[in-house]
Every structure is written in structure tokens, then in C-alpha cells.
PDB file of N, CA and C in Angstrom:
ATOM      1  N   UNK A   1     -58.461  22.734  57.514  1.00  0.00           N
ATOM      2  CA  UNK A   1     -59.580  23.025  56.592  1.00  0.00           C
ATOM      3  C   UNK A   1     -60.687  23.748  57.413  1.00  0.00           C
ATOM      4  N   UNK A   2     -61.111  24.821  56.891  1.00  0.00           N
ATOM      5  CA  UNK A   2     -62.178  25.577  57.611  1.00  0.00           C
ATOM      6  C   UNK A   2     -63.519  25.234  57.038  1.00  0.00           C
ATOM      7  N   UNK A   3     -64.419  24.808  57.918  1.00  0.00           N
ATOM      8  CA  UNK A   3     -65.803  24.421  57.505  1.00  0.00           C
ATOM      9  C   UNK A   3     -66.708  25.658  57.707  1.00  0.00           C
ATOM     10  N   UNK A   4     -67.429  25.961  56.670  1.00  0.00           N
ATOM     11  CA  UNK A   4     -68.393  27.111  56.773  1.00  0.00           C
ATOM     12  C   UNK A   4     -69.700  26.644  57.301  1.00  0.00           C
ATOM     13  N   UNK A   5     -70.516  27.583  57.695  1.00  0.00           N
ATOM     14  CA  UNK A   5     -71.852  27.271  58.124  1.00  0.00           C
ATOM     15  C   UNK A   5     -72.699  26.527  57.065  1.00  0.00           C
ATOM     16  N   UNK A   6     -72.464  26.931  55.834  1.00  0.00           N
ATOM     17  CA  UNK A   6     -73.128  26.294  54.681  1.00  0.00           C
ATOM     18  C   UNK A   6     -72.688  24.854  54.512  1.00  0.00           C
ATOM     19  N   UNK A   7     -71.372  24.652  54.696  1.00  0.00           N
ATOM     20  CA  UNK A   7     -70.823  23.246  54.658  1.00  0.00           C
ATOM     21  C   UNK A   7     -71.539  22.371  55.687  1.00  0.00           C
ATOM     22  N   UNK A   8     -71.617  22.926  56.907  1.00  0.00           N
ATOM     23  CA  UNK A   8     -72.192  22.162  57.982  1.00  0.00           C
ATOM     24  C   UNK A   8     -73.696  21.858  57.693  1.00  0.00           C
ATOM     25  N   UNK A   9     -74.415  22.807  57.153  1.00  0.00           N
ATOM     26  CA  UNK A   9     -75.786  22.616  56.813  1.00  0.00           C
ATOM     27  C   UNK A   9     -75.902  21.518  55.747  1.00  0.00           C
ATOM     28  N   UNK A  10     -75.001  21.504  54.744  1.00  0.00           N
ATOM     29  CA  UNK A  10     -75.001  20.497  53.713  1.00  0.00           C
ATOM     30  C   UNK A  10     -74.736  19.107  54.286  1.00  0.00           C
ATOM     31  N   UNK A  11     -73.740  19.024  55.173  1.00  0.00           N
ATOM     32  CA  UNK A  11     -73.429  17.746  55.818  1.00  0.00           C
ATOM     33  C   UNK A  11     -74.641  17.267  56.591  1.00  0.00           C
ATOM     34  N   UNK A  12     -75.272  18.155  57.296  1.00  0.00           N
ATOM     35  CA  UNK A  12     -76.470  17.820  58.096  1.00  0.00           C
ATOM     36  C   UNK A  12     -77.597  17.288  57.212  1.00  0.00           C
ATOM     37  N   UNK A  13     -77.813  17.945  56.110  1.00  0.00           N
ATOM     38  CA  UNK A  13     -78.899  17.490  55.178  1.00  0.00           C
ATOM     39  C   UNK A  13     -78.542  16.113  54.643  1.00  0.00           C
ATOM     40  N   UNK A  14     -77.302  15.941  54.153  1.00  0.00           N
ATOM     41  CA  UNK A  14     -76.896  14.668  53.576  1.00  0.00           C
ATOM     42  C   UNK A  14     -76.911  13.538  54.586  1.00  0.00           C
ATOM     43  N   UNK A  15     -76.633  13.901  55.837  1.00  0.00           N
ATOM     44  CA  UNK A  15     -76.633  12.853  56.927  1.00  0.00           C
ATOM     45  C   UNK A  15     -78.026  12.716  57.551  1.00  0.00           C
ATOM     46  N   UNK A  16     -78.960  13.504  57.115  1.00  0.00           N
ATOM     47  CA  UNK A  16     -80.289  13.468  57.672  1.00  0.00           C
ATOM     48  C   UNK A  16     -80.304  13.769  59.140  1.00  0.00           C
ATOM     49  N   UNK A  17     -79.474  14.736  59.540  1.00  0.00           N
ATOM     50  CA  UNK A  17     -79.392  15.152  60.946  1.00  0.00           C
ATOM     51  C   UNK A  17     -80.119  16.490  61.126  1.00  0.00           C
ATOM     52  N   UNK A  18     -80.735  16.636  62.226  1.00  0.00           N
ATOM     53  CA  UNK A  18     -81.307  17.873  62.574  1.00  0.00           C
ATOM     54  C   UNK A  18     -80.466  18.578  63.625  1.00  0.00           C
ATOM     55  N   UNK A  19     -79.807  19.656  63.262  1.00  0.00           N
ATOM     56  CA  UNK A  19     -78.869  20.360  64.168  1.00  0.00           C
ATOM     57  C   UNK A  19     -79.549  21.642  64.637  1.00  0.00           C
ATOM     58  N   UNK A  20     -79.785  21.705  65.981  1.00  0.00           N
ATOM     59  CA  UNK A  20     -80.408  22.935  66.522  1.00  0.00           C
ATOM     60  C   UNK A  20     -79.496  24.160  66.179  1.00  0.00           C
ATOM     61  N   UNK A  21     -80.121  25.298  65.852  1.00  0.00           N
ATOM     62  CA  UNK A  21     -79.330  26.442  65.463  1.00  0.00           C
ATOM     63  C   UNK A  21     -78.322  26.897  66.567  1.00  0.00           C
ATOM     64  N   UNK A  22     -78.722  26.692  67.863  1.00  0.00           N
ATOM     65  CA  UNK A  22     -77.804  27.130  68.908  1.00  0.00           C
ATOM     66  C   UNK A  22     -76.582  26.160  69.075  1.00  0.00           C
ATOM     67  N   UNK A  23     -76.607  25.001  68.424  1.00  0.00           N
ATOM     68  CA  UNK A  23     -75.503  24.102  68.482  1.00  0.00           C
ATOM     69  C   UNK A  23     -74.696  24.070  67.160  1.00  0.00           C
ATOM     70  N   UNK A  24     -75.189  24.692  66.148  1.00  0.00           N
ATOM     71  CA  UNK A  24     -74.554  24.639  64.767  1.00  0.00           C
ATOM     72  C   UNK A  24     -73.137  25.165  64.819  1.00  0.00           C
ATOM     73  N   UNK A  25     -72.904  26.254  65.544  1.00  0.00           N
ATOM     74  CA  UNK A  25     -71.551  26.841  65.528  1.00  0.00           C
ATOM     75  C   UNK A  25     -70.562  25.867  66.257  1.00  0.00           C
ATOM     76  N   UNK A  26     -71.001  25.299  67.297  1.00  0.00           N
ATOM     77  CA  UNK A  26     -70.095  24.345  68.036  1.00  0.00           C
ATOM     78  C   UNK A  26     -69.844  23.131  67.177  1.00  0.00           C
ATOM     79  N   UNK A  27     -70.783  22.580  66.505  1.00  0.00           N
ATOM     80  CA  UNK A  27     -70.564  21.433  65.612  1.00  0.00           C
ATOM     81  C   UNK A  27     -69.676  21.819  64.413  1.00  0.00           C
ATOM     82  N   UNK A  28     -69.814  22.999  63.942  1.00  0.00           N
ATOM     83  CA  UNK A  28     -68.973  23.468  62.826  1.00  0.00           C
ATOM     84  C   UNK A  28     -67.515  23.517  63.266  1.00  0.00           C
ATOM     85  N   UNK A  29     -67.269  24.052  64.469  1.00  0.00           N
ATOM     86  CA  UNK A  29     -65.911  24.102  65.017  1.00  0.00           C
ATOM     87  C   UNK A  29     -65.318  22.686  65.220  1.00  0.00           C
ATOM     88  N   UNK A  30     -66.143  21.776  65.719  1.00  0.00           N
ATOM     89  CA  UNK A  30     -65.715  20.397  65.963  1.00  0.00           C
ATOM     90  C   UNK A  30     -65.385  19.684  64.615  1.00  0.00           C
ATOM     91  N   UNK A  31     -66.222  19.903  63.605  1.00  0.00           N
ATOM     92  CA  UNK A  31     -65.953  19.288  62.332  1.00  0.00           C
ATOM     93  C   UNK A  31     -64.707  19.850  61.685  1.00  0.00           C
ATOM     94  N   UNK A  32     -64.485  21.158  61.809  1.00  0.00           N
ATOM     95  CA  UNK A  32     -63.245  21.792  61.299  1.00  0.00           C
ATOM     96  C   UNK A  32     -62.046  21.179  61.980  1.00  0.00           C
ATOM     97  N   UNK A  33     -62.102  21.065  63.307  1.00  0.00           N
ATOM     98  CA  UNK A  33     -60.962  20.513  64.081  1.00  0.00           C
ATOM     99  C   UNK A  33     -60.681  19.067  63.615  1.00  0.00           C
ATOM    100  N   UNK A  34     -61.723  18.323  63.437  1.00  0.00           N
ATOM    101  CA  UNK A  34     -61.555  16.896  62.985  1.00  0.00           C
ATOM    102  C   UNK A  34     -60.917  16.879  61.561  1.00  0.00           C
ATOM    103  N   UNK A  35     -61.377  17.672  60.667  1.00  0.00           N
ATOM    104  CA  UNK A  35     -60.812  17.665  59.305  1.00  0.00           C
ATOM    105  C   UNK A  35     -59.372  18.141  59.324  1.00  0.00           C
ATOM    106  N   UNK A  36     -59.059  19.096  60.223  1.00  0.00           N
ATOM    107  CA  UNK A  36     -57.652  19.580  60.303  1.00  0.00           C
ATOM    108  C   UNK A  36     -56.759  18.393  60.791  1.00  0.00           C
ATOM    109  N   UNK A  37     -57.253  17.618  61.740  1.00  0.00           N
ATOM    110  CA  UNK A  37     -56.539  16.513  62.244  1.00  0.00           C
ATOM    111  C   UNK A  37     -56.282  15.478  61.140  1.00  0.00           C
ATOM    112  N   UNK A  38     -57.301  15.227  60.311  1.00  0.00           N
ATOM    113  CA  UNK A  38     -57.110  14.319  59.195  1.00  0.00           C
ATOM    114  C   UNK A  38     -56.140  14.825  58.206  1.00  0.00           C
ATOM    115  N   UNK A  39     -56.143  16.116  57.965  1.00  0.00           N
ATOM    116  CA  UNK A  39     -55.125  16.740  57.072  1.00  0.00           C
ATOM    117  C   UNK A  39     -53.734  16.561  57.618  1.00  0.00           C
ATOM    118  N   UNK A  40     -53.585  16.658  58.952  1.00  0.00           N
ATOM    119  CA  UNK A  40     -52.235  16.387  59.568  1.00  0.00           C
ATOM    120  C   UNK A  40     -51.776  15.014  59.345  1.00  0.00           C
ATOM    121  N   UNK A  41     -52.675  14.070  59.344  1.00  0.00           N
ATOM    122  CA  UNK A  41     -52.316  12.626  59.119  1.00  0.00           C
ATOM    123  C   UNK A  41     -51.727  12.429  57.751  1.00  0.00           C
ATOM    124  N   UNK A  42     -52.080  13.243  56.833  1.00  0.00           N
ATOM    125  CA  UNK A  42     -51.539  13.078  55.468  1.00  0.00           C
ATOM    126  C   UNK A  42     -50.023  13.294  55.432  1.00  0.00           C
ATOM    127  N   UNK A  43     -49.519  14.044  56.408  1.00  0.00           N
ATOM    128  CA  UNK A  43     -48.096  14.358  56.474  1.00  0.00           C
ATOM    129  C   UNK A  43     -47.286  13.303  57.179  1.00  0.00           C
ATOM    130  N   UNK A  44     -47.917  12.259  57.716  1.00  0.00           N
ATOM    131  CA  UNK A  44     -47.172  11.198  58.418  1.00  0.00           C
ATOM    132  C   UNK A  44     -46.540  10.265  57.399  1.00  0.00           C
ATOM    133  N   UNK A  45     -45.203  10.010  57.606  1.00  0.00           N
ATOM    134  CA  UNK A  45     -44.507   9.176  56.727  1.00  0.00           C
ATOM    135  C   UNK A  45     -44.817   7.721  57.047  1.00  0.00           C
ATOM    136  N   UNK A  46     -45.432   7.047  56.081  1.00  0.00           N
ATOM    137  CA  UNK A  46     -45.829   5.658  56.226  1.00  0.00           C
ATOM    138  C   UNK A  46     -45.072   4.777  55.239  1.00  0.00           C
ATOM    139  N   UNK A  47     -43.991   5.293  54.705  1.00  0.00           N
ATOM    140  CA  UNK A  47     -43.264   4.564  53.628  1.00  0.00           C
ATOM    141  C   UNK A  47     -42.825   3.197  54.087  1.00  0.00           C
ATOM    142  N   UNK A  48     -42.290   3.033  55.293  1.00  0.00           N
ATOM    143  CA  UNK A  48     -41.777   1.748  55.757  1.00  0.00           C
ATOM    144  C   UNK A  48     -42.708   1.011  56.707  1.00  0.00           C
ATOM    145  N   UNK A  49     -43.997   1.387  56.675  1.00  0.00           N
ATOM    146  CA  UNK A  49     -44.973   0.741  57.530  1.00  0.00           C
ATOM    147  C   UNK A  49     -45.736  -0.298  56.737  1.00  0.00           C
ATOM    148  N   UNK A  50     -45.750  -1.492  57.222  1.00  0.00           N
ATOM    149  CA  UNK A  50     -46.473  -2.579  56.556  1.00  0.00           C
ATOM    150  C   UNK A  50     -47.954  -2.385  56.664  1.00  0.00           C
ATOM    151  N   UNK A  51     -48.695  -2.611  55.570  1.00  0.00           N
ATOM    152  CA  UNK A  51     -50.158  -2.458  55.670  1.00  0.00           C
ATOM    153  C   UNK A  51     -50.750  -3.507  56.664  1.00  0.00           C
ATOM    154  N   UNK A  52     -51.722  -3.052  57.367  1.00  0.00           N
ATOM    155  CA  UNK A  52     -52.428  -3.945  58.347  1.00  0.00           C
ATOM    156  C   UNK A  52     -53.924  -3.832  58.187  1.00  0.00           C
ATOM    157  N   UNK A  53     -54.553  -4.835  58.579  1.00  0.00           N
ATOM    158  CA  UNK A  53     -56.013  -4.881  58.611  1.00  0.00           C
ATOM    159  C   UNK A  53     -56.549  -4.453  59.924  1.00  0.00           C
ATOM    160  N   UNK A  54     -55.773  -4.824  60.997  1.00  0.00           N
ATOM    161  CA  UNK A  54     -56.177  -4.517  62.384  1.00  0.00           C
ATOM    162  C   UNK A  54     -55.031  -3.763  63.062  1.00  0.00           C
ATOM    163  N   UNK A  55     -55.346  -2.920  63.969  1.00  0.00           N
ATOM    164  CA  UNK A  55     -54.356  -2.155  64.670  1.00  0.00           C
ATOM    165  C   UNK A  55     -53.642  -3.030  65.697  1.00  0.00           C
ATOM    166  N   UNK A  56     -54.325  -4.034  66.231  1.00  0.00           N
ATOM    167  CA  UNK A  56     -53.758  -4.899  67.247  1.00  0.00           C
ATOM    168  C   UNK A  56     -53.585  -6.300  66.677  1.00  0.00           C
ATOM    169  N   UNK A  57     -52.579  -7.061  67.187  1.00  0.00           N
ATOM    170  CA  UNK A  57     -52.390  -8.385  66.669  1.00  0.00           C
ATOM    171  C   UNK A  57     -53.679  -9.206  66.862  1.00  0.00           C
ATOM    172  N   UNK A  58     -53.895 -10.057  65.873  1.00  0.00           N
ATOM    173  CA  UNK A  58     -55.123 -10.888  65.898  1.00  0.00           C
ATOM    174  C   UNK A  58     -54.737 -12.248  66.441  1.00  0.00           C
ATOM    175  N   UNK A  59     -55.633 -12.797  67.221  1.00  0.00           N
ATOM    176  CA  UNK A  59     -55.470 -14.144  67.692  1.00  0.00           C
ATOM    177  C   UNK A  59     -56.847 -14.803  67.642  1.00  0.00           C
ATOM    178  N   UNK A  60     -56.829 -16.125  67.563  1.00  0.00           N
ATOM    179  CA  UNK A  60     -58.085 -16.895  67.512  1.00  0.00           C
ATOM    180  C   UNK A  60     -58.735 -16.845  68.873  1.00  0.00           C
ATOM    181  N   UNK A  61     -59.939 -16.223  68.922  1.00  0.00           N
ATOM    182  CA  UNK A  61     -60.641 -16.091  70.209  1.00  0.00           C
ATOM    183  C   UNK A  61     -61.771 -17.115  70.292  1.00  0.00           C
ATOM    184  N   UNK A  62     -61.863 -17.998  69.309  1.00  0.00           N
ATOM    185  CA  UNK A  62     -62.945 -18.977  69.395  1.00  0.00           C
ATOM    186  C   UNK A  62     -62.483 -20.172  70.213  1.00  0.00           C
ATOM    187  N   UNK A  63     -63.464 -20.842  70.832  1.00  0.00           N
ATOM    188  CA  UNK A  63     -63.177 -22.028  71.577  1.00  0.00           C
ATOM    189  C   UNK A  63     -63.746 -23.209  70.844  1.00  0.00           C
ATOM    190  N   UNK A  64     -63.318 -24.342  71.189  1.00  0.00           N
ATOM    191  CA  UNK A  64     -63.836 -25.584  70.596  1.00  0.00           C
ATOM    192  C   UNK A  64     -65.322 -25.710  70.915  1.00  0.00           C
ATOM    193  N   UNK A  65     -66.090 -26.182  69.955  1.00  0.00           N
ATOM    194  CA  UNK A  65     -67.482 -26.495  70.249  1.00  0.00           C
ATOM    195  C   UNK A  65     -67.577 -27.686  71.197  1.00  0.00           C
ATOM    196  N   UNK A  66     -68.377 -27.580  72.207  1.00  0.00           N
ATOM    197  CA  UNK A  66     -68.608 -28.732  73.080  1.00  0.00           C
ATOM    198  C   UNK A  66     -70.030 -28.727  73.544  1.00  0.00           C
ATOM    199  N   UNK A  67     -70.602 -29.845  73.665  1.00  0.00           N
ATOM    200  CA  UNK A  67     -71.963 -29.973  74.105  1.00  0.00           C
ATOM    201  C   UNK A  67     -72.000 -29.693  75.601  1.00  0.00           C
ATOM    202  N   UNK A  68     -72.888 -28.810  75.989  1.00  0.00           N
ATOM    203  CA  UNK A  68     -73.064 -28.471  77.384  1.00  0.00           C
ATOM    204  C   UNK A  68     -74.545 -28.477  77.733  1.00  0.00           C
ATOM    205  N   UNK A  69     -74.902 -28.622  78.976  1.00  0.00           N
ATOM    206  CA  UNK A  69     -76.334 -28.591  79.357  1.00  0.00           C
ATOM    207  C   UNK A  69     -76.934 -27.259  79.048  1.00  0.00           C
ATOM    208  N   UNK A  70     -78.215 -27.237  78.657  1.00  0.00           N
ATOM    209  CA  UNK A  70     -78.840 -26.004  78.434  1.00  0.00           C
ATOM    210  C   UNK A  70     -80.304 -26.131  78.901  1.00  0.00           C
ATOM    211  N   UNK A  71     -81.069 -25.077  78.710  1.00  0.00           N
ATOM    212  CA  UNK A  71     -82.442 -25.048  79.120  1.00  0.00           C
ATOM    213  C   UNK A  71     -83.228 -26.098  78.303  1.00  0.00           C
ATOM    214  N   UNK A  72     -84.225 -26.699  78.931  1.00  0.00           N
ATOM    215  CA  UNK A  72     -85.115 -27.519  78.151  1.00  0.00           C
ATOM    216  C   UNK A  72     -86.085 -26.564  77.459  1.00  0.00           C
ATOM    217  N   UNK A  73     -86.809 -27.130  76.468  1.00  0.00           N
ATOM    218  CA  UNK A  73     -87.669 -26.298  75.623  1.00  0.00           C
ATOM    219  C   UNK A  73     -88.743 -25.540  76.432  1.00  0.00           C
ATOM    220  N   UNK A  74     -89.387 -26.182  77.378  1.00  0.00           N
ATOM    221  CA  UNK A  74     -90.416 -25.533  78.160  1.00  0.00           C
ATOM    222  C   UNK A  74     -89.920 -24.359  78.965  1.00  0.00           C
ATOM    223  N   UNK A  75     -88.686 -24.510  79.575  1.00  0.00           N
ATOM    224  CA  UNK A  75     -88.073 -23.437  80.356  1.00  0.00           C
ATOM    225  C   UNK A  75     -87.707 -22.283  79.409  1.00  0.00           C
ATOM    226  N   UNK A  76     -87.212 -22.568  78.244  1.00  0.00           N
ATOM    227  CA  UNK A  76     -86.769 -21.538  77.289  1.00  0.00           C
ATOM    228  C   UNK A  76     -87.997 -20.739  76.777  1.00  0.00           C
ATOM    229  N   UNK A  77     -89.142 -21.414  76.639  1.00  0.00           N
ATOM    230  CA  UNK A  77     -90.331 -20.748  76.154  1.00  0.00           C
ATOM    231  C   UNK A  77     -91.217 -20.191  77.241  1.00  0.00           C
ATOM    232  N   UNK A  78     -90.844 -20.388  78.499  1.00  0.00           N
ATOM    233  CA  UNK A  78     -91.735 -20.030  79.619  1.00  0.00           C
ATOM    234  C   UNK A  78     -92.158 -18.551  79.591  1.00  0.00           C
ATOM    235  N   UNK A  79     -91.281 -17.628  79.212  1.00  0.00           N
ATOM    236  CA  UNK A  79     -91.618 -16.193  79.249  1.00  0.00           C
ATOM    237  C   UNK A  79     -91.855 -15.560  77.883  1.00  0.00           C
ATOM    238  N   UNK A  80     -91.883 -16.458  76.874  1.00  0.00           N
ATOM    239  CA  UNK A  80     -92.120 -15.966  75.509  1.00  0.00           C
ATOM    240  C   UNK A  80     -93.501 -15.374  75.362  1.00  0.00           C
ATOM    241  N   UNK A  81     -93.604 -14.152  74.783  1.00  0.00           N
ATOM    242  CA  UNK A  81     -94.919 -13.567  74.597  1.00  0.00           C
ATOM    243  C   UNK A  81     -95.778 -14.365  73.655  1.00  0.00           C
ATOM    244  N   UNK A  82     -95.138 -14.929  72.638  1.00  0.00           N
ATOM    245  CA  UNK A  82     -95.852 -15.813  71.651  1.00  0.00           C
ATOM    246  C   UNK A  82     -95.064 -17.077  71.443  1.00  0.00           C
ATOM    247  N   UNK A  83     -95.763 -18.175  71.434  1.00  0.00           N
ATOM    248  CA  UNK A  83     -95.149 -19.484  71.073  1.00  0.00           C
ATOM    249  C   UNK A  83     -96.157 -20.328  70.402  1.00  0.00           C
ATOM    250  N   UNK A  84     -95.615 -21.277  69.595  1.00  0.00           N
ATOM    251  CA  UNK A  84     -96.496 -22.171  68.837  1.00  0.00           C
ATOM    252  C   UNK A  84     -95.778 -23.452  68.546  1.00  0.00           C
ATOM    253  N   UNK A  85     -96.378 -24.572  68.842  1.00  0.00           N
ATOM    254  CA  UNK A  85     -95.839 -25.904  68.566  1.00  0.00           C
ATOM    255  C   UNK A  85     -94.377 -26.030  69.083  1.00  0.00           C
ATOM    256  N   UNK A  86     -94.107 -25.505  70.270  1.00  0.00           N
ATOM    257  CA  UNK A  86     -92.764 -25.623  70.821  1.00  0.00           C
ATOM    258  C   UNK A  86     -91.700 -24.721  70.288  1.00  0.00           C
ATOM    259  N   UNK A  87     -92.122 -23.629  69.597  1.00  0.00           N
ATOM    260  CA  UNK A  87     -91.115 -22.689  69.032  1.00  0.00           C
ATOM    261  C   UNK A  87     -91.580 -21.258  69.420  1.00  0.00           C
ATOM    262  N   UNK A  88     -90.614 -20.352  69.356  1.00  0.00           N
ATOM    263  CA  UNK A  88     -90.956 -18.940  69.500  1.00  0.00           C
ATOM    264  C   UNK A  88     -91.694 -18.496  68.266  1.00  0.00           C
ATOM    265  N   UNK A  89     -92.742 -17.744  68.449  1.00  0.00           N
ATOM    266  CA  UNK A  89     -93.494 -17.218  67.323  1.00  0.00           C
ATOM    267  C   UNK A  89     -93.249 -15.701  67.267  1.00  0.00           C
ATOM    268  N   UNK A  90     -92.862 -15.238  66.084  1.00  0.00           N
ATOM    269  CA  UNK A  90     -92.565 -13.800  65.895  1.00  0.00           C
ATOM    270  C   UNK A  90     -93.365 -13.339  64.699  1.00  0.00           C
ATOM    271  N   UNK A  91     -93.625 -11.997  64.661  1.00  0.00           N
ATOM    272  CA  UNK A  91     -94.334 -11.460  63.514  1.00  0.00           C
ATOM    273  C   UNK A  91     -93.566 -11.653  62.216  1.00  0.00           C
ATOM    274  N   UNK A  92     -94.303 -11.820  61.172  1.00  0.00           N
ATOM    275  CA  UNK A  92     -93.717 -11.967  59.819  1.00  0.00           C
ATOM    276  C   UNK A  92     -93.041 -10.658  59.431  1.00  0.00           C
ATOM    277  N   UNK A  93     -91.773 -10.714  58.995  1.00  0.00           N
ATOM    278  CA  UNK A  93     -91.063  -9.496  58.610  1.00  0.00           C
ATOM    279  C   UNK A  93     -90.719  -9.460  57.125  1.00  0.00           C
ATOM    280  N   UNK A  94     -90.781 -10.588  56.434  1.00  0.00           N
ATOM    281  CA  UNK A  94     -90.491 -10.615  54.987  1.00  0.00           C
ATOM    282  C   UNK A  94     -91.678 -11.021  54.199  1.00  0.00           C
ATOM    283  N   UNK A  95     -91.814 -10.398  53.059  1.00  0.00           N
ATOM    284  CA  UNK A  95     -92.922 -10.743  52.191  1.00  0.00           C
ATOM    285  C   UNK A  95     -92.590 -12.080  51.540  1.00  0.00           C
ATOM    286  N   UNK A  96     -93.550 -12.897  51.421  1.00  0.00           N
ATOM    287  CA  UNK A  96     -93.290 -14.223  50.855  1.00  0.00           C
ATOM    288  C   UNK A  96     -94.018 -14.483  49.623  1.00  0.00           C
TER     289      UNK A  96
END
């Protein structure tokens, strides 16, 4: 699939990207090459391939919860820029 300069400009606008004019031609070639690769993938026979969610086999990577020593409250708060009543204080980010 050949990507035109206009196609690239449209993609840039929709993606809210600013592409310098001197780099536009290079990006256009790269996008064309990528889309050609995707087109080639359409020709791959996947008839007898089982659907997968992950490319690699999954295994449980979680460990059992266990109580371990940690910092005491004063040490944890020692370098905090803001603290109040033994807690980290952060600016309000949600309207209440």
C-alpha cells in the first residue's frame, strides 16, 4: 500500500502529531513499508493455528503474600515534601 503525502498529513492531524516538513517524506516511506508488511500478514495461512491471547506461554508469576519488615512511618515520611497527621499529603486532583 502506497501512502501519499496527503495521507501522512491526515494521519498526523488525527494523531495530533507535528511532523517537520524535512522528515515528512521519511515518515511517509516508513508508514508505507509498515502497511505493506501488514498486507503481507494477510496472506499467512492461520487455518490450523489455535487462537491465543499471549504469544508466550503464561505462568503464574505471583508469589504468596507474606508479612515482611518494612519502613516505619517516620522513615517513610522523612523525605516527603508534604505530610499531615502521619500521611503523605498530595494536591487534590478530583472535584468533590
